[in-house]
N, C-alpha and C. Protein backbone atom coordinates (compact mmCIF):
# COMPACT_ATOMS: atom_id res chain seq x y z
N MET A 1 10.50 1.00 7.55
CA MET A 1 9.82 2.36 7.17
C MET A 1 10.50 3.67 6.37
N GLU A 2 12.19 3.01 6.24
CA GLU A 2 12.35 3.91 6.19
C GLU A 2 12.17 4.46 4.35
N ARG A 3 11.57 3.37 4.05
CA ARG A 3 11.30 3.94 2.21
C ARG A 3 9.95 3.86 2.17
N VAL A 4 8.99 4.09 3.45
CA VAL A 4 7.00 4.74 2.69
C VAL A 4 7.13 5.99 2.69
N ASP A 5 8.82 6.92 2.92
CA ASP A 5 9.09 8.43 2.27
C ASP A 5 8.11 7.96 0.71
N ALA A 6 8.88 7.31 -0.41
CA ALA A 6 8.32 7.05 -1.30
C ALA A 6 7.12 7.97 -1.77
N CYS A 7 6.54 7.11 -1.09
CA CYS A 7 4.87 7.06 -1.13
C CYS A 7 4.87 9.32 -1.18
N GLN A 8 5.29 9.98 -0.48
CA GLN A 8 5.22 11.40 -0.09
C GLN A 8 5.99 11.91 -1.98
N SER A 9 6.03 11.39 -2.85
CA SER A 9 7.45 11.98 -3.45
C SER A 9 6.36 12.16 -4.95
N PRO A 10 6.52 14.05 -5.39
CA PRO A 10 6.28 13.88 -6.55
C PRO A 10 5.92 13.30 -7.22
N ALA A 11 6.61 12.02 -7.73
CA ALA A 11 6.96 12.01 -9.48
C ALA A 11 5.89 10.28 -8.85
N LEU A 12 6.59 9.77 -7.68
CA LEU A 12 5.70 8.00 -6.97
C LEU A 12 4.76 8.16 -6.49
N GLY A 13 3.97 9.55 -5.56
CA GLY A 13 2.77 9.73 -5.40
C GLY A 13 1.49 9.47 -5.64
N GLN A 14 1.60 9.34 -7.59
CA GLN A 14 0.69 8.76 -7.61
C GLN A 14 0.46 7.25 -8.08
N ILE A 15 1.30 6.56 -8.18
CA ILE A 15 1.08 4.88 -8.50
C ILE A 15 0.71 4.25 -6.96
N PRO A 16 -0.44 3.87 -6.71
CA PRO A 16 -1.06 2.37 -5.59
C PRO A 16 0.47 1.73 -5.02
N PHE A 17 0.47 1.59 -3.90
CA PHE A 17 1.42 1.05 -3.20
C PHE A 17 0.60 0.53 -2.25
N ILE A 18 1.09 -0.87 -1.37
CA ILE A 18 0.79 -1.57 -1.32
C ILE A 18 1.49 -2.29 -0.09
N MET A 19 1.65 -2.43 0.83
CA MET A 19 3.44 -2.31 1.65
C MET A 19 3.36 -4.30 2.34
N VAL A 20 4.30 -4.48 1.75
CA VAL A 20 4.91 -6.54 2.29
C VAL A 20 5.58 -6.11 3.37
N THR A 21 4.64 -6.50 4.61
CA THR A 21 6.04 -6.34 5.91
C THR A 21 6.04 -7.06 7.06
N ALA A 22 7.04 -7.67 7.43
CA ALA A 22 6.91 -8.82 9.15
C ALA A 22 6.55 -7.19 10.33
N GLU A 23 5.97 -6.18 10.11
CA GLU A 23 6.07 -5.47 11.08
C GLU A 23 4.59 -5.09 11.43
N SER A 24 3.81 -6.00 12.32
CA SER A 24 2.15 -5.42 13.10
C SER A 24 2.44 -4.88 13.23
N LYS A 25 2.98 -3.90 13.83
CA LYS A 25 2.66 -2.90 15.35
C LYS A 25 1.89 -2.20 14.71
N THR A 26 0.43 -2.22 15.65
CA THR A 26 -0.74 -0.55 15.08
C THR A 26 -0.04 0.74 14.68
N GLU A 27 1.21 1.68 15.65
CA GLU A 27 2.04 2.42 15.14
C GLU A 27 2.71 2.26 13.63
N ASN A 28 3.26 1.57 13.49
CA ASN A 28 3.27 1.17 12.16
C ASN A 28 2.60 1.16 10.69
N VAL A 29 1.48 0.66 11.13
CA VAL A 29 0.26 0.19 10.56
C VAL A 29 -0.04 2.35 10.13
N ILE A 30 -0.59 2.94 11.12
CA ILE A 30 -0.73 4.07 11.35
C ILE A 30 0.78 5.17 10.56
N ALA A 31 1.65 5.18 11.28
CA ALA A 31 2.03 5.63 10.40
C ALA A 31 2.51 5.74 8.85
N ALA A 32 2.64 4.04 8.27
CA ALA A 32 2.61 3.76 6.82
C ALA A 32 1.27 4.42 5.84
N LYS A 33 0.03 4.70 6.68
CA LYS A 33 -1.13 4.87 5.69
C LYS A 33 -1.40 6.67 5.73
N GLU A 34 -0.72 7.33 6.80
CA GLU A 34 0.11 9.02 7.37
C GLU A 34 1.00 9.22 6.02
N ALA A 35 1.60 7.93 5.29
CA ALA A 35 3.03 8.45 4.52
C ALA A 35 2.01 8.00 3.24
N GLY A 36 1.38 7.54 3.20
CA GLY A 36 0.57 7.50 1.91
C GLY A 36 0.37 5.74 1.14
N VAL A 37 0.76 5.38 2.28
CA VAL A 37 0.91 3.58 1.38
C VAL A 37 -0.92 3.32 1.32
N ASN A 38 -1.65 2.31 0.38
CA ASN A 38 -3.38 2.55 0.11
C ASN A 38 -3.25 1.59 0.89
N ASN A 39 -2.50 0.49 0.66
CA ASN A 39 -2.60 -0.56 1.82
C ASN A 39 -1.80 -1.59 2.33
N TYR A 40 -1.91 -2.25 3.25
CA TYR A 40 -0.67 -3.12 4.14
C TYR A 40 -0.82 -4.87 4.98
N ILE A 41 0.06 -5.26 4.06
CA ILE A 41 -0.23 -6.74 4.56
C ILE A 41 0.83 -7.38 4.88
N VAL A 42 0.85 -7.25 6.18
CA VAL A 42 1.83 -7.85 7.21
C VAL A 42 1.86 -10.27 6.42
N LYS A 43 3.28 -9.75 6.67
CA LYS A 43 4.14 -11.28 6.12
C LYS A 43 4.03 -12.71 7.62
N PRO A 44 3.66 -13.66 7.67
CA PRO A 44 3.04 -14.20 6.46
C PRO A 44 1.65 -14.05 5.73
N PHE A 45 1.59 -13.99 4.62
CA PHE A 45 -0.31 -13.91 4.52
C PHE A 45 -0.55 -14.99 3.11
N ASN A 46 -1.74 -15.02 3.18
CA ASN A 46 -1.84 -16.33 1.99
C ASN A 46 -2.26 -16.07 0.26
N ALA A 47 -2.71 -15.91 0.12
CA ALA A 47 -3.50 -15.85 -0.99
C ALA A 47 -4.67 -14.55 -1.53
N GLN A 48 -5.03 -15.55 -0.70
CA GLN A 48 -7.15 -15.18 -0.66
C GLN A 48 -6.28 -13.09 -0.36
N THR A 49 -5.71 -13.62 1.04
CA THR A 49 -5.30 -12.03 1.59
C THR A 49 -4.65 -11.07 0.65
N LEU A 50 -3.88 -11.51 -0.26
CA LEU A 50 -3.32 -10.57 -1.46
C LEU A 50 -4.43 -10.79 -2.10
N GLN A 51 -5.14 -10.93 -2.88
CA GLN A 51 -6.28 -10.77 -4.07
C GLN A 51 -6.74 -10.47 -3.10
N ASN A 52 -7.56 -9.93 -2.03
CA ASN A 52 -8.50 -8.98 -1.21
C ASN A 52 -7.79 -7.34 -1.34
N LYS A 53 -6.67 -6.88 -1.47
CA LYS A 53 -5.29 -5.99 -1.29
C LYS A 53 -5.42 -5.24 -2.26
N VAL A 54 -5.24 -6.13 -3.08
CA VAL A 54 -5.42 -5.86 -4.53
C VAL A 54 -5.91 -5.19 -4.76
N GLN A 55 -7.36 -6.03 -5.01
CA GLN A 55 -9.02 -5.18 -5.07
C GLN A 55 -9.22 -3.85 -4.84
N SER A 56 -8.09 -4.25 -3.14
CA SER A 56 -8.97 -3.03 -2.34
C SER A 56 -8.66 -1.89 -3.66
N VAL A 57 -7.23 -1.91 -3.53
CA VAL A 57 -6.20 -1.43 -3.63
C VAL A 57 -6.34 -0.39 -5.41
N PHE A 58 -6.46 -1.70 -6.03
CA PHE A 58 -7.29 -1.62 -8.04
C PHE A 58 -9.13 -2.08 -7.56
N PRO A 59 -9.99 -1.25 -7.39
CA PRO A 59 -10.99 -2.14 -8.49
C PRO A 59 -11.49 -2.49 -9.73
N ASP A 60 -12.21 -3.22 -9.74
CA ASP A 60 -13.00 -3.57 -11.41
C ASP A 60 -13.18 -2.91 -11.45
N ASP A 61 -13.58 -1.12 -11.21
CA ASP A 61 -14.78 -0.56 -11.71
C ASP A 61 -13.77 1.30 -11.65
N ALA A 62 -12.32 0.48 -11.84
CA ALA A 62 -12.41 2.25 -11.71
C ALA A 62 -11.07 2.35 -12.31
N PRO A 63 -10.20 2.91 -13.32
CA PRO A 63 -9.56 3.61 -14.47
C PRO A 63 -8.48 3.10 -13.32
N PRO A 64 -7.28 2.77 -14.80
CA PRO A 64 -6.04 2.61 -14.37
C PRO A 64 -5.73 3.79 -13.57
N PRO A 65 -4.25 3.92 -12.22
CA PRO A 65 -3.98 5.06 -12.70
C PRO A 65 -2.85 5.72 -13.37
N ARG A 66 -2.86 7.07 -13.05
CA ARG A 66 -1.98 7.59 -14.14
C ARG A 66 -0.79 8.22 -13.11
N ALA A 67 0.65 8.39 -14.04
CA ALA A 67 1.62 8.61 -14.41
C ALA A 67 1.73 10.27 -13.90
N ALA A 68 2.14 10.67 -12.52
CA ALA A 68 2.91 12.19 -12.65
C ALA A 68 3.10 12.76 -13.86
């Protein structure tokens, strides 16, 4: 979980971030969300899970994120 702090960086904070990890503990998911992670995928996962998570972060009708 050490790298989640990148989500709080002013330079990187506006970039959507989907965390992929083997850590499924509830406290890790909560910590990641509090740190700014947009979504969280626990390994192993399948293509449908990945597609759902990406679509939740990048909905079809949303404009692309702008870099800071």
